[in-house]
C-alpha atoms as a PDB file:
ATOM      1  CA  UNK A   1     -11.136  -0.991  18.928  1.00  0.00           C
ATOM      2  CA  UNK A   2      -9.317   2.779  17.819  1.00  0.00           C
ATOM      3  CA  UNK A   3      -6.912   3.020  14.874  1.00  0.00           C
ATOM      4  CA  UNK A   4      -5.230   4.991  12.711  1.00  0.00           C
ATOM      5  CA  UNK A   5      -3.390   4.586   9.069  1.00  0.00           C
ATOM      6  CA  UNK A   6      -0.883   7.263   7.531  1.00  0.00           C
ATOM      7  CA  UNK A   7       0.245   6.038   3.804  1.00  0.00           C
ATOM      8  CA  UNK A   8       2.872   8.577   2.292  1.00  0.00           C
ATOM      9  CA  UNK A   9       4.797   5.854  -0.316  1.00  0.00           C
ATOM     10  CA  UNK A  10       4.091   7.122  -3.893  1.00  0.00           C
ATOM     11  CA  UNK A  11       2.611  10.612  -5.160  1.00  0.00           C
ATOM     12  CA  UNK A  12      -0.902  10.038  -3.719  1.00  0.00           C
ATOM     13  CA  UNK A  13      -0.392  10.949   0.754  1.00  0.00           C
ATOM     14  CA  UNK A  14      -3.030   9.445   3.050  1.00  0.00           C
ATOM     15  CA  UNK A  15      -4.529   8.727   6.605  1.00  0.00           C
ATOM     16  CA  UNK A  16      -7.496   7.325   8.067  1.00  0.00           C
ATOM     17  CA  UNK A  17      -8.993   6.483  11.185  1.00  0.00           C
ATOM     18  CA  UNK A  18     -11.425   4.298  12.681  1.00  0.00           C
ATOM     19  CA  UNK A  19     -13.635   3.987  15.609  1.00  0.00           C
ATOM     20  CA  UNK A  20     -15.392   1.337  16.209  1.00  0.00           C
ATOM     21  CA  UNK A  21     -18.262   1.333  12.221  1.00  0.00           C
ATOM     22  CA  UNK A  22     -17.257   4.804  12.222  1.00  0.00           C
ATOM     23  CA  UNK A  23     -13.870   5.966   9.577  1.00  0.00           C
ATOM     24  CA  UNK A  24     -12.585   8.893   8.817  1.00  0.00           C
ATOM     25  CA  UNK A  25      -9.736   9.441   5.426  1.00  0.00           C
ATOM     26  CA  UNK A  26      -8.830  11.774   3.674  1.00  0.00           C
ATOM     27  CA  UNK A  27      -6.531  10.819   0.265  1.00  0.00           C
ATOM     28  CA  UNK A  28      -4.184  13.855  -1.552  1.00  0.00           C
ATOM     29  CA  UNK A  29      -2.174  13.047  -4.539  1.00  0.00           C
ATOM     30  CA  UNK A  30       1.017  15.701  -3.434  1.00  0.00           C
ATOM     31  CA  UNK A  31       4.443  14.698  -4.919  1.00  0.00           C
ATOM     32  CA  UNK A  32       7.182  15.778  -2.617  1.00  0.00           C
ATOM     33  CA  UNK A  33       4.661  17.270  -0.616  1.00  0.00           C
ATOM     34  CA  UNK A  34       4.388  14.903   1.855  1.00  0.00           C
ATOM     35  CA  UNK A  35       6.257  15.449   5.042  1.00  0.00           C
ATOM     36  CA  UNK A  36       4.075  18.626   4.967  1.00  0.00           C
ATOM     37  CA  UNK A  37       0.634  17.711   4.575  1.00  0.00           C
ATOM     38  CA  UNK A  38       0.369  14.207   6.908  1.00  0.00           C
ATOM     39  CA  UNK A  39      -0.183  15.531  10.069  1.00  0.00           C
ATOM     40  CA  UNK A  40      -2.311  18.567   9.617  1.00  0.00           C
ATOM     41  CA  UNK A  41      -4.644  15.274   7.730  1.00  0.00           C
ATOM     42  CA  UNK A  42      -3.786  13.275  11.060  1.00  0.00           C
ATOM     43  CA  UNK A  43      -5.198  15.830  12.492  1.00  0.00           C
ATOM     44  CA  UNK A  44      -8.686  16.629  10.321  1.00  0.00           C
ATOM     45  CA  UNK A  45     -10.074  13.423  10.098  1.00  0.00           C
ATOM     46  CA  UNK A  46      -9.043  13.125  14.390  1.00  0.00           C
ATOM     47  CA  UNK A  47     -10.852  15.441  15.047  1.00  0.00           C
ATOM     48  CA  UNK A  48     -13.821  14.502  12.696  1.00  0.00           C
ATOM     49  CA  UNK A  49     -13.723  11.308  13.339  1.00  0.00           C
ATOM     50  CA  UNK A  50     -14.024  12.970  17.559  1.00  0.00           C
ATOM     51  CA  UNK A  51     -11.162  11.193  18.834  1.00  0.00           C
ATOM     52  CA  UNK A  52      -7.203  12.241  20.826  1.00  0.00           C
ATOM     53  CA  UNK A  53      -4.101  11.064  20.296  1.00  0.00           C
ATOM     54  CA  UNK A  54      -4.585   9.137  23.596  1.00  0.00           C
ATOM     55  CA  UNK A  55      -7.941   7.608  22.616  1.00  0.00           C
ATOM     56  CA  UNK A  56      -5.578   5.864  20.172  1.00  0.00           C
ATOM     57  CA  UNK A  57      -5.291   2.038  20.790  1.00  0.00           C
ATOM     58  CA  UNK A  58      -3.322   1.062  17.329  1.00  0.00           C
ATOM     59  CA  UNK A  59      -1.658   2.107  14.266  1.00  0.00           C
ATOM     60  CA  UNK A  60      -0.634   1.580  10.962  1.00  0.00           C
ATOM     61  CA  UNK A  61       1.705   2.878   8.061  1.00  0.00           C
ATOM     62  CA  UNK A  62       2.075   2.317   4.134  1.00  0.00           C
ATOM     63  CA  UNK A  63       5.983  -0.173   4.853  1.00  0.00           C
ATOM     64  CA  UNK A  64       6.223  -0.271   0.734  1.00  0.00           C
ATOM     65  CA  UNK A  65       7.114  -0.220  -1.416  1.00  0.00           C
ATOM     66  CA  UNK A  66       7.458   2.727  -2.826  1.00  0.00           C
ATOM     67  CA  UNK A  67       9.488   5.822  -2.622  1.00  0.00           C
ATOM     68  CA  UNK A  68      12.193   5.271  -0.420  1.00  0.00           C
ATOM     69  CA  UNK A  69      11.574   8.521   1.257  1.00  0.00           C
ATOM     70  CA  UNK A  70       8.220   8.273   1.314  1.00  0.00           C
ATOM     71  CA  UNK A  71       8.112   5.128   2.855  1.00  0.00           C
ATOM     72  CA  UNK A  72      10.875   6.041   5.966  1.00  0.00           C
ATOM     73  CA  UNK A  73       8.588   9.506   6.393  1.00  0.00           C
ATOM     74  CA  UNK A  74       5.547   7.631   6.514  1.00  0.00           C
ATOM     75  CA  UNK A  75       7.466   5.334   8.979  1.00  0.00           C
ATOM     76  CA  UNK A  76       8.583   7.917  10.978  1.00  0.00           C
ATOM     77  CA  UNK A  77       5.882   9.054  12.070  1.00  0.00           C
ATOM     78  CA  UNK A  78       4.537   6.121  13.278  1.00  0.00           C
ATOM     79  CA  UNK A  79       7.029   5.424  15.685  1.00  0.00           C
ATOM     80  CA  UNK A  80       7.294   8.822  16.846  1.00  0.00           C
ATOM     81  CA  UNK A  81       3.223   8.085  17.557  1.00  0.00           C
ATOM     82  CA  UNK A  82       3.731   4.384  19.071  1.00  0.00           C
ATOM     83  CA  UNK A  83       6.368   5.774  21.110  1.00  0.00           C
ATOM     84  CA  UNK A  84       4.594   8.355  22.338  1.00  0.00           C
ATOM     85  CA  UNK A  85       2.110   6.777  22.343  1.00  0.00           C
ATOM     86  CA  UNK A  86       2.458   3.448  23.463  1.00  0.00           C
ATOM     87  CA  UNK A  87       0.785   1.651  21.166  1.00  0.00           C
ATOM     88  CA  UNK A  88       1.660  -1.580  18.515  1.00  0.00           C
ATOM     89  CA  UNK A  89       2.075  -1.611  15.134  1.00  0.00           C
ATOM     90  CA  UNK A  90       1.469  -2.174  11.927  1.00  0.00           C
ATOM     91  CA  UNK A  91       3.427  -2.826   8.347  1.00  0.00           C
ATOM     92  CA  UNK A  92       0.549  -2.610   5.446  1.00  0.00           C
ATOM     93  CA  UNK A  93       2.050  -3.198   1.944  1.00  0.00           C
ATOM     94  CA  UNK A  94       1.586  -0.771  -0.633  1.00  0.00           C
ATOM     95  CA  UNK A  95       0.408  -3.511  -3.583  1.00  0.00           C
ATOM     96  CA  UNK A  96      -1.429  -5.341  -1.155  1.00  0.00           C
ATOM     97  CA  UNK A  97      -4.239  -1.895  -0.178  1.00  0.00           C
ATOM     98  CA  UNK A  98      -4.962  -1.393  -3.541  1.00  0.00           C
ATOM     99  CA  UNK A  99      -5.789  -5.081  -4.421  1.00  0.00           C
ATOM    100  CA  UNK A 100      -7.542  -4.312  -1.335  1.00  0.00           C
ATOM    101  CA  UNK A 101      -9.754  -1.313  -2.455  1.00  0.00           C
ATOM    102  CA  UNK A 102     -10.589  -3.433  -5.969  1.00  0.00           C
ATOM    103  CA  UNK A 103     -11.682  -6.416  -3.609  1.00  0.00           C
ATOM    104  CA  UNK A 104     -13.603  -3.371  -1.932  1.00  0.00           C
ATOM    105  CA  UNK A 105     -15.552  -1.855  -4.173  1.00  0.00           C
ATOM    106  CA  UNK A 106     -15.471  -4.603  -7.085  1.00  0.00           C
ATOM    107  CA  UNK A 107     -16.486  -7.802  -5.754  1.00  0.00           C
ATOM    108  CA  UNK A 108     -17.500  -9.243  -8.994  1.00  0.00           C
ATOM    109  CA  UNK A 109     -12.979  -9.586  -8.797  1.00  0.00           C
ATOM    110  CA  UNK A 110     -11.747 -12.949  -7.694  1.00  0.00           C
ATOM    111  CA  UNK A 111      -7.932 -11.801  -9.003  1.00  0.00           C
ATOM    112  CA  UNK A 112      -5.978  -8.613  -8.496  1.00  0.00           C
ATOM    113  CA  UNK A 113      -2.446  -7.939 -10.388  1.00  0.00           C
ATOM    114  CA  UNK A 114      -0.604  -4.850  -9.197  1.00  0.00           C
ATOM    115  CA  UNK A 115       2.175  -2.829 -10.060  1.00  0.00           C
ATOM    116  CA  UNK A 116       3.984  -0.183  -9.507  1.00  0.00           C
ATOM    117  CA  UNK A 117       6.813   1.835 -11.569  1.00  0.00           C
ATOM    118  CA  UNK A 118      10.149   1.049  -9.426  1.00  0.00           C
ATOM    119  CA  UNK A 119      11.916   2.924 -12.577  1.00  0.00           C
ATOM    120  CA  UNK A 120      15.364   1.665 -13.584  1.00  0.00           C
ATOM    121  CA  UNK A 121      12.709  -0.814 -15.736  1.00  0.00           C
ATOM    122  CA  UNK A 122      11.237  -2.161 -12.810  1.00  0.00           C
ATOM    123  CA  UNK A 123       8.133  -3.236 -11.754  1.00  0.00           C
ATOM    124  CA  UNK A 124       6.987  -3.534  -8.074  1.00  0.00           C
ATOM    125  CA  UNK A 125       4.361  -6.830  -8.521  1.00  0.00           C
ATOM    126  CA  UNK A 126       2.818  -9.256  -6.740  1.00  0.00           C
ATOM    127  CA  UNK A 127      -0.709 -10.521  -7.318  1.00  0.00           C
ATOM    128  CA  UNK A 128      -3.506 -10.827  -4.199  1.00  0.00           C
ATOM    129  CA  UNK A 129      -6.845 -13.319  -4.253  1.00  0.00           C
ATOM    130  CA  UNK A 130      -9.923 -11.938  -2.310  1.00  0.00           C
ATOM    131  CA  UNK A 131      -9.725 -14.855   1.558  1.00  0.00           C
ATOM    132  CA  UNK A 132     -11.748 -14.107   4.102  1.00  0.00           C
ATOM    133  CA  UNK A 133     -12.302 -10.680   2.024  1.00  0.00           C
ATOM    134  CA  UNK A 134      -8.608  -9.879   2.595  1.00  0.00           C
ATOM    135  CA  UNK A 135      -6.156  -9.064  -0.196  1.00  0.00           C
ATOM    136  CA  UNK A 136      -3.714 -12.133   0.098  1.00  0.00           C
ATOM    137  CA  UNK A 137      -0.327 -12.128  -2.107  1.00  0.00           C
ATOM    138  CA  UNK A 138      -0.032 -15.209  -4.064  1.00  0.00           C
ATOM    139  CA  UNK A 139       2.869 -15.795  -4.141  1.00  0.00           C
ATOM    140  CA  UNK A 140       5.338 -12.813  -3.453  1.00  0.00           C
ATOM    141  CA  UNK A 141       5.879  -9.179  -3.740  1.00  0.00           C
ATOM    142  CA  UNK A 142       9.421  -8.422  -5.269  1.00  0.00           C
ATOM    143  CA  UNK A 143      10.632  -6.336  -7.685  1.00  0.00           C
ATOM    144  CA  UNK A 144      11.087  -7.148 -11.433  1.00  0.00           C
ATOM    145  CA  UNK A 145      11.399  -6.505 -15.061  1.00  0.00           C
ATOM    146  CA  UNK A 146       8.305  -5.811 -16.772  1.00  0.00           C
ATOM    147  CA  UNK A 147       9.561  -8.271 -19.266  1.00  0.00           C
ATOM    148  CA  UNK A 148       9.798 -11.111 -15.936  1.00  0.00           C
ATOM    149  CA  UNK A 149       6.008  -9.966 -15.007  1.00  0.00           C
ATOM    150  CA  UNK A 150       4.499 -10.955 -18.595  1.00  0.00           C
ATOM    151  CA  UNK A 151       5.913 -14.268 -17.782  1.00  0.00           C
ATOM    152  CA  UNK A 152       3.492 -14.966 -14.608  1.00  0.00           C
ATOM    153  CA  UNK A 153       0.549 -13.474 -15.660  1.00  0.00           C
ATOM    154  CA  UNK A 154      -1.889 -15.672 -17.130  1.00  0.00           C
ATOM    155  CA  UNK A 155      -2.711 -16.702 -20.375  1.00  0.00           C
ATOM    156  CA  UNK A 156      -6.218 -15.853 -19.993  1.00  0.00           C
ATOM    157  CA  UNK A 157      -5.539 -12.159 -18.623  1.00  0.00           C
ATOM    158  CA  UNK A 158      -6.839 -10.090 -21.954  1.00  0.00           C
ATOM    159  CA  UNK A 159     -10.460 -12.572 -20.878  1.00  0.00           C
ATOM    160  CA  UNK A 160     -10.432 -11.867 -17.235  1.00  0.00           C
ATOM    161  CA  UNK A 161     -10.448  -8.201 -17.848  1.00  0.00           C
ATOM    162  CA  UNK A 162     -12.993  -7.934 -20.487  1.00  0.00           C
ATOM    163  CA  UNK A 163     -15.399 -10.153 -17.852  1.00  0.00           C
ATOM    164  CA  UNK A 164     -14.444  -8.546 -14.494  1.00  0.00           C
ATOM    165  CA  UNK A 165     -12.904 -11.283 -12.688  1.00  0.00           C
ATOM    166  CA  UNK A 166      -9.315  -9.578 -12.517  1.00  0.00           C
ATOM    167  CA  UNK A 167      -8.825  -6.206 -11.955  1.00  0.00           C
ATOM    168  CA  UNK A 168      -4.737  -4.340 -12.840  1.00  0.00           C
ATOM    169  CA  UNK A 169      -3.831  -1.845 -10.247  1.00  0.00           C
ATOM    170  CA  UNK A 170      -1.021   1.316 -10.164  1.00  0.00           C
ATOM    171  CA  UNK A 171       1.065   2.905 -12.062  1.00  0.00           C
ATOM    172  CA  UNK A 172       3.707   0.314 -13.207  1.00  0.00           C
ATOM    173  CA  UNK A 173       0.948  -1.100 -16.484  1.00  0.00           C
ATOM    174  CA  UNK A 174       1.522   2.417 -18.142  1.00  0.00           C
ATOM    175  CA  UNK A 175       4.750   3.344 -17.197  1.00  0.00           C
ATOM    176  CA  UNK A 176       6.635   0.450 -19.761  1.00  0.00           C
ATOM    177  CA  UNK A 177       5.347  -0.942 -23.474  1.00  0.00           C
ATOM    178  CA  UNK A 178       5.800  -4.455 -22.006  1.00  0.00           C
ATOM    179  CA  UNK A 179       2.644  -3.841 -19.781  1.00  0.00           C
ATOM    180  CA  UNK A 180       1.380  -1.599 -21.989  1.00  0.00           C
ATOM    181  CA  UNK A 181      -0.907  -4.089 -23.918  1.00  0.00           C
ATOM    182  CA  UNK A 182      -2.932  -4.557 -20.624  1.00  0.00           C
ATOM    183  CA  UNK A 183      -3.752  -1.284 -19.681  1.00  0.00           C
ATOM    184  CA  UNK A 184      -5.847  -0.720 -22.905  1.00  0.00           C
ATOM    185  CA  UNK A 185      -7.493   2.223 -20.344  1.00  0.00           C
ATOM    186  CA  UNK A 186      -6.433   3.705 -16.486  1.00  0.00           C
ATOM    187  CA  UNK A 187      -6.082   1.292 -13.825  1.00  0.00           C
ATOM    188  CA  UNK A 188      -8.655   1.264 -10.932  1.00  0.00           C
ATOM    189  CA  UNK A 189      -6.284   2.543  -9.112  1.00  0.00           C
ATOM    190  CA  UNK A 190      -2.983   3.769 -10.145  1.00  0.00           C
ATOM    191  CA  UNK A 191      -1.476   4.670  -5.540  1.00  0.00           C
ATOM    192  CA  UNK A 192      -2.246   3.294  -2.155  1.00  0.00           C
ATOM    193  CA  UNK A 193      -5.129   4.301   0.043  1.00  0.00           C
ATOM    194  CA  UNK A 194      -5.012   4.512   3.721  1.00  0.00           C
ATOM    195  CA  UNK A 195      -8.580   3.946   3.839  1.00  0.00           C
ATOM    196  CA  UNK A 196      -8.042   0.672   2.898  1.00  0.00           C
ATOM    197  CA  UNK A 197      -5.130  -0.732   4.694  1.00  0.00           C
ATOM    198  CA  UNK A 198      -7.932  -0.690   7.874  1.00  0.00           C
ATOM    199  CA  UNK A 199      -8.428  -3.704   7.588  1.00  0.00           C
ATOM    200  CA  UNK A 200      -4.846  -5.302   7.737  1.00  0.00           C
ATOM    201  CA  UNK A 201      -4.356  -3.130  10.649  1.00  0.00           C
ATOM    202  CA  UNK A 202      -7.474  -4.392  12.667  1.00  0.00           C
ATOM    203  CA  UNK A 203      -6.508  -8.361  12.174  1.00  0.00           C
ATOM    204  CA  UNK A 204      -3.318  -7.810  12.589  1.00  0.00           C
ATOM    205  CA  UNK A 205      -4.553  -6.394  15.312  1.00  0.00           C
ATOM    206  CA  UNK A 206      -6.662  -8.818  16.730  1.00  0.00           C
ATOM    207  CA  UNK A 207      -4.949 -11.312  16.230  1.00  0.00           C
ATOM    208  CA  UNK A 208      -1.994  -9.987  17.961  1.00  0.00           C
ATOM    209  CA  UNK A 209       0.724  -9.547  15.395  1.00  0.00           C
ATOM    210  CA  UNK A 210       0.762  -5.851  16.671  1.00  0.00           C
ATOM    211  CA  UNK A 211       5.156  -4.562  16.598  1.00  0.00           C
ATOM    212  CA  UNK A 212       6.990  -2.509  19.222  1.00  0.00           C
ATOM    213  CA  UNK A 213       8.335   0.363  17.276  1.00  0.00           C
ATOM    214  CA  UNK A 214      11.442  -1.387  18.014  1.00  0.00           C
ATOM    215  CA  UNK A 215      10.191  -4.078  15.488  1.00  0.00           C
ATOM    216  CA  UNK A 216       9.035  -2.280  12.181  1.00  0.00           C
ATOM    217  CA  UNK A 217      10.693  -2.065   8.992  1.00  0.00           C
ATOM    218  CA  UNK A 218      10.238  -0.674   5.519  1.00  0.00           C
ATOM    219  CA  UNK A 219       9.459  -3.132   2.845  1.00  0.00           C
ATOM    220  CA  UNK A 220      11.619  -2.057  -0.129  1.00  0.00           C
ATOM    221  CA  UNK A 221      11.598  -4.827  -2.047  1.00  0.00           C
ATOM    222  CA  UNK A 222      15.112  -3.548  -3.434  1.00  0.00           C
ATOM    223  CA  UNK A 223      17.427  -3.566   0.079  1.00  0.00           C
ATOM    224  CA  UNK A 224      20.229  -4.825  -2.603  1.00  0.00           C
ATOM    225  CA  UNK A 225      19.364  -4.140  -6.444  1.00  0.00           C
ATOM    226  CA  UNK A 226      19.694  -0.660  -6.105  1.00  0.00           C
ATOM    227  CA  UNK A 227      23.457  -0.937  -5.721  1.00  0.00           C
ATOM    228  CA  UNK A 228      24.546  -3.794  -7.557  1.00  0.00           C
ATOM    229  CA  UNK A 229      23.527  -1.751 -10.079  1.00  0.00           C
ATOM    230  CA  UNK A 230      26.366   1.312  -9.538  1.00  0.00           C
ATOM    231  CA  UNK A 231      29.062   1.674 -10.680  1.00  0.00           C
ATOM    232  CA  UNK A 232      31.769  -0.364  -8.379  1.00  0.00           C
ATOM    233  CA  UNK A 233      29.154  -2.363  -6.347  1.00  0.00           C
ATOM    234  CA  UNK A 234      28.569  -5.096  -8.710  1.00  0.00           C
END
């Protein structure tokens, strides 16, 4: 199965191509340049993998949470490619992708706590465990205050991080004083990478869970919260 993934939900921009056992990926930090960079990166990765667009069997994209504009860029380009090629689509969590990277790189880690700075004194937060080599969310992904985030962390987290069985990912830990006590060092993973979304896409496609292009939706987590905070929109 030949799979591609596009990810533009944060300051990072990345693509990944999988053809059998071969994986080609590109990753760059390029704030506000995603729309200019993503398609050339994809074309180069496809060329390196020896594939043409017509060879693609399925496509994944980072469906959020993250920047509203960033999520829309990846989703729009994914929809265009999927429509033209008539192939299924899989949306992948940006939080889950960061957790997956840790599980792939640090086998000792059993729990990952992901937090992306959501601005407005909030973070996108989720807790993951590795089950059958895939990061599986424990509970739900949500947008919450730093203070609420603290109530969802285990009392043993400091010791768990020190022993190497737990890890933090994302930009949220150093963004707010309430959470910075846990971020003595920069988290190992700050942004999602399309390379670590491939496992989710492959699993979904193999299970027949790919969506038609018309069914694809972003996962902002904050669909109504933003509007409630605007004057006159309470």
